[in-house]
Amino acid sequence: MQEQIRQACILVGGMGSRLGDITRAVPKPLLEIAPDISFLDIVIEQIARQGFTDVLLLAGYLGHLVRERYEGRTFGPAQVRVSVGPESRGTGGAVAYARDVIAPRFLLLNGDSFFDINIRALAAEAADIDGVIALRRVSDSSRYGTVELEGSRIVRFREKASEVTGPALINTGVYVLDACVLDRIRTLPCSIERDVFPALAQEGRLAGHVREGYFLDIGLPGTLERGRHELLALRRRPAAFLDRDGVLNVDRNYVHRPEQVEWIPGAIECVRRLNDLGYRVVVVTNQAGVAHGYYGEDSVHALHAWMSDRLAVHGAFVDAFYYSPYHPEARIERFRRTHVDRKPGPGMILRALSDLDIDKNRSFLIGDKESDIAAAQSAGIPRHLFTGGNLNEFLDKCLPAASESTGSDSCAC
């Protein structure tokens, strides 16, 4: 099985000179978009929900402030570390300085831009090449360097040129790289974008994948202010609540080991489609096997981790798994009770609505039992009974008419 990429490195060392005085005391990615919420918080939340658990911040300018705020913090399952290197070594120099802790394959992001896409899908498509860049088509390219493609291979980079206008593809600052790329950083300072990527492209070792989605670069006062008006609303997403046994995998009674899992036709494609559309995907599953002593909670966690790895290979991810180990006739005494988390109780759904930033009004549930439907009804969300067939095709019946454009296509450039 293809190894899941778990490390995300974020470049947070730039001075942000175009923003003037406001970045003299605060690194650009640490600028607030709301009280106690920095722009970098939003970037980290995005990658943590997609299953990147090792977050490495590559700091330089005012790096001590980055370390004070983030070293050792967790964002859901993601653990944050900070590497503070010398200033003025460029983006390539920042990555090279942390070489000893860089994974064999890793995600690299600019910490001053945000691209609302399924990054896990980008990682899945980067298995056989040294680097992949997420590209976006913009209507006015004058602020950016542009990129030219032949098929999926990048063949040329053009520097910023104010006289060049009109639509073009731009580099969004989201990369999936093989660690062998670091061998190309030979002199400092080094810009990975100007000094490394063009050589990779010339050798046919760099791909570009065009994506749509909200894009924001906070490099100018106007775009920073626009982000302060837009990002918190973007943070709030609709959720697709999915039962597990009978919806994602065939219900074989007390499934708790990987070899017991047979995916429902279209299940993996359904999850990825929901990811691409910007939904949070939340699994809510009764696990009475724990209550009856057939397996322990560790087995539930291990199976969900295995399912996450399998989904990641296909560019898909689950935001959160919730399970209920309770049953009124349990053999294990501490689980022997009627509990609101056990469907038809709405407890797992209500907890997710509280834990995650979910737009309840645009959310729904897919289940295969009447208890799933009753739980969703009690929680006040639309519900759909899946009776078999292809789950991805069934999703067509569940999505609101406008959902195919749930992921915003606007650009705060």
Protein backbone atom coordinates (compact mmCIF):
# COMPACT_ATOMS: atom_id res chain seq x y z
CA MET A 1 0.00 0.00 0.00
CA GLN A 2 1.22 3.51 -0.83
CA GLU A 3 2.57 5.24 2.26
CA GLN A 4 0.35 8.03 3.54
CA ILE A 5 2.05 11.44 3.67
CA ARG A 6 1.68 12.71 7.21
CA GLN A 7 4.11 15.64 7.38
CA ALA A 8 3.20 19.19 6.40
CA CYS A 9 5.92 21.85 6.43
CA ILE A 10 4.79 25.48 6.41
CA LEU A 11 7.05 28.38 5.39
CA VAL A 12 6.54 31.16 7.93
CA GLY A 13 9.86 33.01 7.71
CA GLY A 14 9.15 35.87 5.30
CA MET A 15 9.31 39.54 6.38
CA GLY A 16 6.08 40.68 4.72
CA SER A 17 7.58 44.00 3.63
CA ARG A 18 4.61 44.85 1.37
CA LEU A 19 2.40 45.08 4.47
CA GLY A 20 4.52 47.86 5.95
CA ASP A 21 4.65 48.56 9.67
CA ILE A 22 2.18 45.87 10.72
CA THR A 23 4.76 43.12 10.14
CA ARG A 24 7.65 44.82 11.93
CA ALA A 25 6.60 43.26 15.23
CA VAL A 26 4.62 40.22 14.02
CA PRO A 27 5.47 37.68 11.30
CA LYS A 28 2.97 37.89 8.44
CA PRO A 29 1.35 34.45 9.00
CA LEU A 30 0.73 35.34 12.68
CA LEU A 31 -1.40 38.38 11.84
CA GLU A 32 -4.85 38.09 13.37
CA ILE A 33 -7.91 37.62 11.23
CA ALA A 34 -10.11 37.69 14.36
CA PRO A 35 -9.37 38.02 18.10
CA ASP A 36 -6.99 35.20 19.12
CA ILE A 37 -7.19 33.59 15.66
CA SER A 38 -4.18 34.05 13.40
CA PHE A 39 -4.04 33.45 9.67
CA LEU A 40 -1.65 30.57 10.36
CA ASP A 41 -4.24 28.96 12.66
CA ILE A 42 -6.58 28.68 9.66
CA VAL A 43 -3.85 27.15 7.50
CA ILE A 44 -2.96 24.55 10.16
CA GLU A 45 -6.61 23.68 10.79
CA GLN A 46 -7.05 22.99 7.08
CA ILE A 47 -4.22 20.45 6.88
CA ALA A 48 -4.97 18.86 10.28
CA ARG A 49 -8.53 17.98 9.23
CA GLN A 50 -7.12 16.27 6.15
CA GLY A 51 -4.98 13.85 8.12
CA PHE A 52 -1.57 15.56 8.20
CA THR A 53 -0.47 14.89 11.77
CA ASP A 54 3.14 16.16 11.81
CA VAL A 55 3.17 19.94 11.26
CA LEU A 56 6.60 21.56 11.00
CA LEU A 57 6.74 25.36 10.91
CA LEU A 58 9.83 26.66 9.10
CA ALA A 59 10.48 30.03 10.73
CA GLY A 60 13.12 32.71 10.30
CA TYR A 61 12.13 36.35 10.70
CA LEU A 62 10.87 36.85 14.30
CA GLY A 63 11.02 33.08 14.67
CA HIS A 64 11.00 33.27 18.46
CA LEU A 65 7.41 34.56 18.26
CA VAL A 66 6.41 31.60 16.11
CA ARG A 67 8.03 29.21 18.58
CA GLU A 68 6.37 30.85 21.59
CA ARG A 69 2.90 30.57 20.04
CA TYR A 70 3.09 27.17 18.37
CA GLU A 71 5.78 24.84 19.70
CA GLY A 72 4.08 21.74 21.13
CA ARG A 73 0.54 22.82 20.28
CA THR A 74 -1.97 20.38 18.89
CA PHE A 75 -4.70 20.95 16.32
CA GLY A 76 -6.92 17.91 16.59
CA PRO A 77 -4.60 14.96 15.86
CA ALA A 78 -1.83 17.21 14.49
CA GLN A 79 1.25 17.98 16.62
CA VAL A 80 3.12 21.20 15.83
CA ARG A 81 6.90 21.65 15.90
CA VAL A 82 8.91 24.77 15.04
CA SER A 83 12.27 24.99 13.25
CA VAL A 84 13.84 28.45 13.57
CA GLY A 85 16.62 28.92 11.03
CA PRO A 86 18.81 31.88 10.08
CA GLU A 87 17.06 34.73 8.32
CA SER A 88 17.50 35.64 4.65
CA ARG A 89 18.28 32.12 3.43
CA GLY A 90 15.21 31.93 1.20
CA THR A 91 12.48 29.33 1.05
CA GLY A 92 14.90 26.62 -0.06
CA GLY A 93 17.25 27.52 2.76
CA ALA A 94 14.46 27.23 5.33
CA VAL A 95 13.62 23.72 4.14
CA ALA A 96 17.30 22.69 3.94
CA TYR A 97 17.94 23.92 7.51
CA ALA A 98 15.33 21.42 8.79
CA ARG A 99 16.57 18.60 6.57
CA ASP A 100 17.24 16.21 9.48
CA VAL A 101 13.54 16.18 10.40
CA ILE A 102 12.02 16.31 6.93
CA ALA A 103 10.07 13.18 5.95
CA PRO A 104 10.84 11.21 2.75
CA ARG A 105 7.73 12.73 1.16
CA PHE A 106 6.12 15.85 2.57
CA LEU A 107 3.65 18.64 1.97
CA LEU A 108 5.10 22.15 1.72
CA LEU A 109 2.91 25.24 2.05
CA ASN A 110 3.38 28.99 2.04
CA GLY A 111 2.19 30.27 5.41
CA ASP A 112 0.85 33.53 3.98
CA SER A 113 -1.63 32.04 1.52
CA PHE A 114 -4.65 29.78 1.79
CA PHE A 115 -6.08 27.56 -0.94
CA ASP A 116 -9.30 25.77 -0.01
CA ILE A 117 -8.83 22.47 -1.81
CA ASN A 118 -8.60 18.77 -1.09
CA ILE A 119 -4.84 18.64 -0.45
CA ARG A 120 -5.04 14.95 0.39
CA ALA A 121 -6.01 14.32 -3.25
CA LEU A 122 -2.97 16.29 -4.42
CA ALA A 123 -0.76 14.08 -2.23
CA ALA A 124 -2.33 10.92 -3.65
CA GLU A 125 -1.52 12.05 -7.19
CA ALA A 126 2.16 12.72 -6.45
CA ALA A 127 3.35 9.15 -5.97
CA ASP A 128 5.61 8.74 -9.00
CA ILE A 129 7.22 12.17 -9.42
CA ASP A 130 9.57 14.43 -7.45
CA GLY A 131 7.13 17.28 -7.05
CA VAL A 132 3.55 18.40 -7.64
CA ILE A 133 2.31 21.98 -7.46
CA ALA A 134 -1.33 22.98 -6.96
CA LEU A 135 -2.17 25.53 -9.65
CA ARG A 136 -5.08 27.90 -9.99
CA ARG A 137 -6.45 29.80 -12.96
CA VAL A 138 -6.88 33.53 -12.28
CA SER A 139 -8.46 36.16 -14.48
CA ASP A 140 -5.67 38.71 -13.92
CA SER A 141 -2.14 37.33 -13.56
CA SER A 142 -0.26 40.65 -13.30
CA ARG A 143 0.51 40.17 -9.59
CA TYR A 144 1.94 36.70 -10.05
CA GLY A 145 4.47 34.62 -11.82
CA THR A 146 2.68 32.21 -14.13
CA VAL A 147 3.04 28.54 -15.03
CA GLU A 148 2.69 26.71 -18.34
CA LEU A 149 1.62 23.08 -18.65
CA GLU A 150 1.85 20.37 -21.26
CA GLY A 151 -0.59 17.75 -20.09
CA SER A 152 0.11 17.51 -16.37
CA ARG A 153 3.83 18.36 -16.63
CA ILE A 154 5.06 21.87 -15.88
CA VAL A 155 7.24 23.10 -18.75
CA ARG A 156 7.81 26.76 -17.96
CA PHE A 157 7.67 29.39 -15.23
CA ARG A 158 7.28 33.08 -16.09
CA GLU A 159 8.37 35.76 -13.61
CA LYS A 160 5.96 38.46 -12.49
CA ALA A 161 5.46 41.05 -15.22
CA SER A 162 3.00 43.91 -14.84
CA GLU A 163 2.66 44.21 -18.61
CA VAL A 164 1.38 40.62 -18.78
CA THR A 165 -2.32 40.53 -17.97
CA GLY A 166 -5.27 38.29 -18.57
CA PRO A 167 -6.07 34.75 -17.43
CA ALA A 168 -3.25 32.36 -16.60
CA LEU A 169 -2.23 29.58 -14.23
CA ILE A 170 -0.47 30.61 -11.04
CA ASN A 171 1.51 28.77 -8.39
CA THR A 172 -0.62 28.72 -5.22
CA GLY A 173 2.20 27.81 -2.83
CA VAL A 174 0.95 24.26 -2.16
CA TYR A 175 3.47 21.52 -3.00
CA VAL A 176 3.97 17.80 -2.48
CA LEU A 177 7.68 17.00 -2.65
CA ASP A 178 10.10 14.11 -2.41
CA ALA A 179 12.99 14.74 -0.03
CA CYS A 180 15.42 14.16 -2.92
CA VAL A 181 14.50 17.70 -4.01
CA LEU A 182 16.60 18.97 -1.10
CA ASP A 183 19.74 17.66 -2.83
CA ARG A 184 19.26 20.45 -5.36
CA ILE A 185 19.70 23.18 -2.73
CA ARG A 186 23.44 23.78 -3.07
CA THR A 187 23.98 27.50 -2.46
CA LEU A 188 22.31 29.96 -0.12
CA PRO A 189 20.20 31.98 -0.18
CA CYS A 190 17.99 29.74 -2.29
CA SER A 191 14.45 30.23 -3.54
CA ILE A 192 12.86 26.83 -4.06
CA GLU A 193 10.46 28.45 -6.52
CA ARG A 194 13.11 30.21 -8.68
CA ASP A 195 16.22 28.07 -8.17
CA VAL A 196 14.85 24.52 -7.83
CA PHE A 197 11.49 24.17 -9.54
CA PRO A 198 12.58 25.37 -13.02
CA ALA A 199 15.33 22.71 -13.14
CA LEU A 200 12.87 20.01 -12.05
CA ALA A 201 10.45 21.16 -14.74
CA GLN A 202 13.18 21.03 -17.40
CA GLU A 203 13.87 17.40 -16.46
CA GLY A 204 10.19 16.48 -16.54
CA ARG A 205 10.15 15.82 -12.79
CA LEU A 206 7.55 18.42 -11.79
CA ALA A 207 3.80 18.17 -12.33
CA GLY A 208 1.04 20.71 -11.93
CA HIS A 209 -2.56 20.00 -11.02
CA VAL A 210 -5.17 22.70 -11.64
CA ARG A 211 -7.70 23.11 -8.83
CA GLU A 212 -10.64 25.38 -8.17
CA GLY A 213 -11.38 26.84 -4.77
CA TYR A 214 -11.16 29.93 -2.65
CA PHE A 215 -7.64 31.39 -2.81
CA LEU A 216 -6.24 34.11 -0.57
CA ASP A 217 -2.78 35.66 -0.44
CA ILE A 218 -2.41 38.13 2.43
CA GLY A 219 0.59 39.88 0.88
CA LEU A 220 -1.17 43.24 0.53
CA PRO A 221 -3.15 45.31 3.07
CA GLY A 222 -6.29 44.99 0.93
CA THR A 223 -6.17 41.21 0.70
CA LEU A 224 -5.40 40.88 4.40
CA GLU A 225 -8.47 42.95 5.20
CA ARG A 226 -10.55 40.91 2.79
CA GLY A 227 -9.43 37.75 4.57
CA ARG A 228 -10.60 39.19 7.87
CA HIS A 229 -14.08 39.48 6.39
CA GLU A 230 -14.18 36.12 4.61
CA LEU A 231 -12.11 33.46 6.33
CA LEU A 232 -14.23 32.86 9.42
CA ALA A 233 -17.29 32.24 7.25
CA LEU A 234 -15.28 29.85 5.09
CA ARG A 235 -14.17 27.99 8.21
CA ARG A 236 -17.79 26.98 8.85
CA ARG A 237 -18.60 24.02 6.64
CA PRO A 238 -21.57 21.74 6.05
CA ALA A 239 -21.12 18.14 7.19
CA ALA A 240 -22.06 14.79 5.70
CA PHE A 241 -22.67 12.39 8.59
CA LEU A 242 -22.11 8.79 7.48
CA ASP A 243 -22.90 5.60 9.30
CA ARG A 244 -20.03 3.10 8.97
CA ASP A 245 -21.17 -0.54 8.77
CA GLY A 246 -23.63 -0.81 5.91
CA VAL A 247 -22.74 2.57 4.41
CA LEU A 248 -18.95 2.73 4.06
CA ASN A 249 -18.27 -0.99 4.46
CA VAL A 250 -20.36 -4.14 4.19
CA ASP A 251 -21.99 -4.95 7.55
CA ARG A 252 -20.60 -8.36 8.52
CA ASN A 253 -21.57 -8.11 12.22
CA TYR A 254 -18.97 -6.60 14.53
CA VAL A 255 -16.36 -5.63 11.95
CA HIS A 256 -13.21 -4.68 13.86
CA ARG A 257 -10.20 -5.91 11.82
CA PRO A 258 -8.93 -4.64 8.44
CA GLU A 259 -9.28 -8.05 6.78
CA GLN A 260 -13.02 -7.95 7.56
CA VAL A 261 -13.54 -4.71 5.64
CA GLU A 262 -15.21 -4.84 2.25
CA TRP A 263 -15.89 -1.34 1.00
CA ILE A 264 -19.39 -0.58 -0.25
CA PRO A 265 -19.26 0.12 -4.03
CA GLY A 266 -18.67 3.82 -4.57
CA ALA A 267 -17.92 4.51 -0.88
CA ILE A 268 -14.36 5.78 -1.36
CA GLU A 269 -15.41 7.86 -4.37
CA CYS A 270 -18.30 9.29 -2.32
CA VAL A 271 -15.98 10.41 0.49
CA ARG A 272 -13.55 12.03 -1.93
CA ARG A 273 -16.38 13.80 -3.73
CA LEU A 274 -17.64 15.20 -0.44
CA ASN A 275 -14.07 16.31 0.38
CA ASP A 276 -13.78 18.02 -3.00
CA LEU A 277 -17.09 19.79 -2.43
CA GLY A 278 -15.90 21.22 0.89
CA TYR A 279 -18.02 19.11 3.25
CA ARG A 280 -16.78 17.84 6.56
CA VAL A 281 -17.10 14.06 6.51
CA VAL A 282 -18.07 12.72 9.94
CA VAL A 283 -18.54 9.01 10.67
CA VAL A 284 -21.04 8.14 13.43
CA THR A 285 -21.17 4.44 14.27
CA ASN A 286 -22.68 2.22 16.99
CA GLN A 287 -20.05 -0.27 18.19
CA ALA A 288 -21.94 -2.67 20.44
CA GLY A 289 -19.13 -5.19 19.97
CA VAL A 290 -17.17 -3.19 22.52
CA ALA A 291 -20.06 -3.36 24.98
CA HIS A 292 -20.34 -7.13 24.53
CA GLY A 293 -16.59 -7.69 24.93
CA TYR A 294 -15.96 -8.98 21.41
CA TYR A 295 -13.19 -6.41 20.94
CA GLY A 296 -11.84 -3.35 22.73
CA GLU A 297 -11.88 0.35 22.00
CA ASP A 298 -8.26 0.09 20.82
CA SER A 299 -9.49 -2.11 17.98
CA VAL A 300 -12.03 0.53 16.96
CA HIS A 301 -9.33 3.24 16.89
CA ALA A 302 -6.93 0.99 14.98
CA LEU A 303 -9.54 0.12 12.37
CA HIS A 304 -10.47 3.75 11.87
CA ALA A 305 -6.78 4.63 11.43
CA TRP A 306 -6.48 1.85 8.83
CA MET A 307 -9.57 3.12 7.01
CA SER A 308 -8.10 6.63 7.01
CA ASP A 309 -4.91 5.31 5.43
CA ARG A 310 -6.83 3.47 2.73
CA LEU A 311 -8.93 6.54 1.97
CA ALA A 312 -5.79 8.71 1.81
CA VAL A 313 -4.33 6.54 -0.95
CA HIS A 314 -7.36 7.54 -3.02
CA GLY A 315 -7.20 11.22 -2.09
CA ALA A 316 -10.02 11.08 0.46
CA PHE A 317 -10.30 11.71 4.19
CA VAL A 318 -12.69 11.62 7.15
CA ASP A 319 -12.69 14.70 9.37
CA ALA A 320 -13.69 12.76 12.49
CA PHE A 321 -14.86 9.33 13.63
CA TYR A 322 -17.38 9.11 16.47
CA TYR A 323 -18.43 5.75 17.92
CA SER A 324 -20.74 4.60 20.68
CA PRO A 325 -19.53 1.63 22.80
CA TYR A 326 -22.79 1.44 24.80
CA HIS A 327 -25.64 -1.09 24.84
CA PRO A 328 -28.43 -1.58 27.42
CA GLU A 329 -27.64 -5.32 27.60
CA ALA A 330 -23.85 -5.06 27.51
CA ARG A 331 -21.68 -7.77 29.02
CA ILE A 332 -19.11 -5.12 30.05
CA GLU A 333 -20.68 -3.33 33.00
CA ARG A 334 -19.34 0.18 32.35
CA PHE A 335 -20.96 0.14 28.90
CA ARG A 336 -24.30 -1.34 30.13
CA ARG A 337 -26.71 1.55 29.85
CA THR A 338 -28.98 3.46 27.55
CA HIS A 339 -26.83 6.30 26.31
CA VAL A 340 -27.67 9.30 24.14
CA ASP A 341 -24.67 8.48 21.92
CA ARG A 342 -26.12 5.15 20.86
CA LYS A 343 -28.33 5.63 17.84
CA PRO A 344 -31.28 6.23 17.69
CA GLY A 345 -29.97 8.76 20.21
CA PRO A 346 -28.54 11.91 18.57
CA GLY A 347 -25.54 12.22 20.90
CA MET A 348 -22.73 11.59 18.41
CA ILE A 349 -24.21 14.04 15.91
CA LEU A 350 -24.74 16.67 18.57
CA ARG A 351 -21.18 16.25 19.84
CA ALA A 352 -19.81 16.72 16.34
CA LEU A 353 -21.92 19.84 15.87
CA SER A 354 -20.39 21.18 19.07
CA ASP A 355 -16.80 20.02 18.46
CA LEU A 356 -16.46 20.98 14.80
CA ASP A 357 -17.31 24.22 13.01
CA ILE A 358 -20.35 22.79 11.18
CA ASP A 359 -23.08 24.59 9.28
CA LYS A 360 -26.02 22.51 10.51
CA ASN A 361 -28.44 24.03 8.02
CA ARG A 362 -26.53 22.56 5.05
CA SER A 363 -25.66 19.20 6.64
CA PHE A 364 -27.24 15.76 6.24
CA LEU A 365 -26.88 12.10 7.24
CA ILE A 366 -26.71 8.87 5.25
CA GLY A 367 -27.54 5.70 7.18
CA ASP A 368 -28.71 2.18 6.43
CA LYS A 369 -30.93 1.61 9.49
CA GLU A 370 -34.00 3.28 10.92
CA SER A 371 -31.96 4.04 14.05
CA ASP A 372 -29.65 6.21 11.92
CA ILE A 373 -32.62 8.07 10.49
CA ALA A 374 -34.13 8.57 13.96
CA ALA A 375 -30.82 9.95 15.30
CA ALA A 376 -30.62 12.50 12.49
CA GLN A 377 -34.26 13.47 12.98
CA SER A 378 -33.65 14.07 16.69
CA ALA A 379 -30.58 16.17 15.84
CA GLY A 380 -32.61 18.21 13.37
CA ILE A 381 -30.74 17.43 10.14
CA PRO A 382 -31.95 15.92 6.84
CA ARG A 383 -31.51 12.14 6.56
CA HIS A 384 -31.32 9.60 3.76
CA LEU A 385 -31.82 5.83 4.04
CA PHE A 386 -29.27 3.89 1.97
CA THR A 387 -30.57 0.44 1.06
CA GLY A 388 -27.68 -0.75 -1.08
CA GLY A 389 -26.09 -0.17 -4.46
CA ASN A 390 -23.42 2.40 -5.28
CA LEU A 391 -22.95 4.98 -2.53
CA ASN A 392 -21.49 7.63 -4.82
CA GLU A 393 -24.51 7.37 -7.10
CA PHE A 394 -26.81 7.50 -4.08
CA LEU A 395 -25.08 10.74 -3.03
CA ASP A 396 -26.73 12.45 -6.02
CA LYS A 397 -30.05 12.10 -4.20
CA CYS A 398 -28.68 13.58 -0.98
CA LEU A 399 -26.88 16.69 -2.13
CA PRO A 400 -28.80 19.95 -2.20
CA ALA A 401 -29.11 21.33 -5.72
CA ALA A 402 -26.33 23.89 -5.21
CA SER A 403 -23.89 21.56 -3.45
CA GLU A 404 -21.78 20.77 -6.49
CA SER A 405 -20.44 24.30 -6.07
CA THR A 406 -20.17 24.24 -2.27
CA GLY A 407 -16.41 24.81 -2.49
CA SER A 408 -16.07 28.54 -3.20
CA ASP A 409 -14.42 29.47 -6.48
CA SER A 410 -13.67 33.03 -5.47
CA CYS A 411 -10.16 34.44 -5.36
CA ALA A 412 -8.93 37.06 -2.90
CA CYS A 413 -5.73 37.59 -4.88
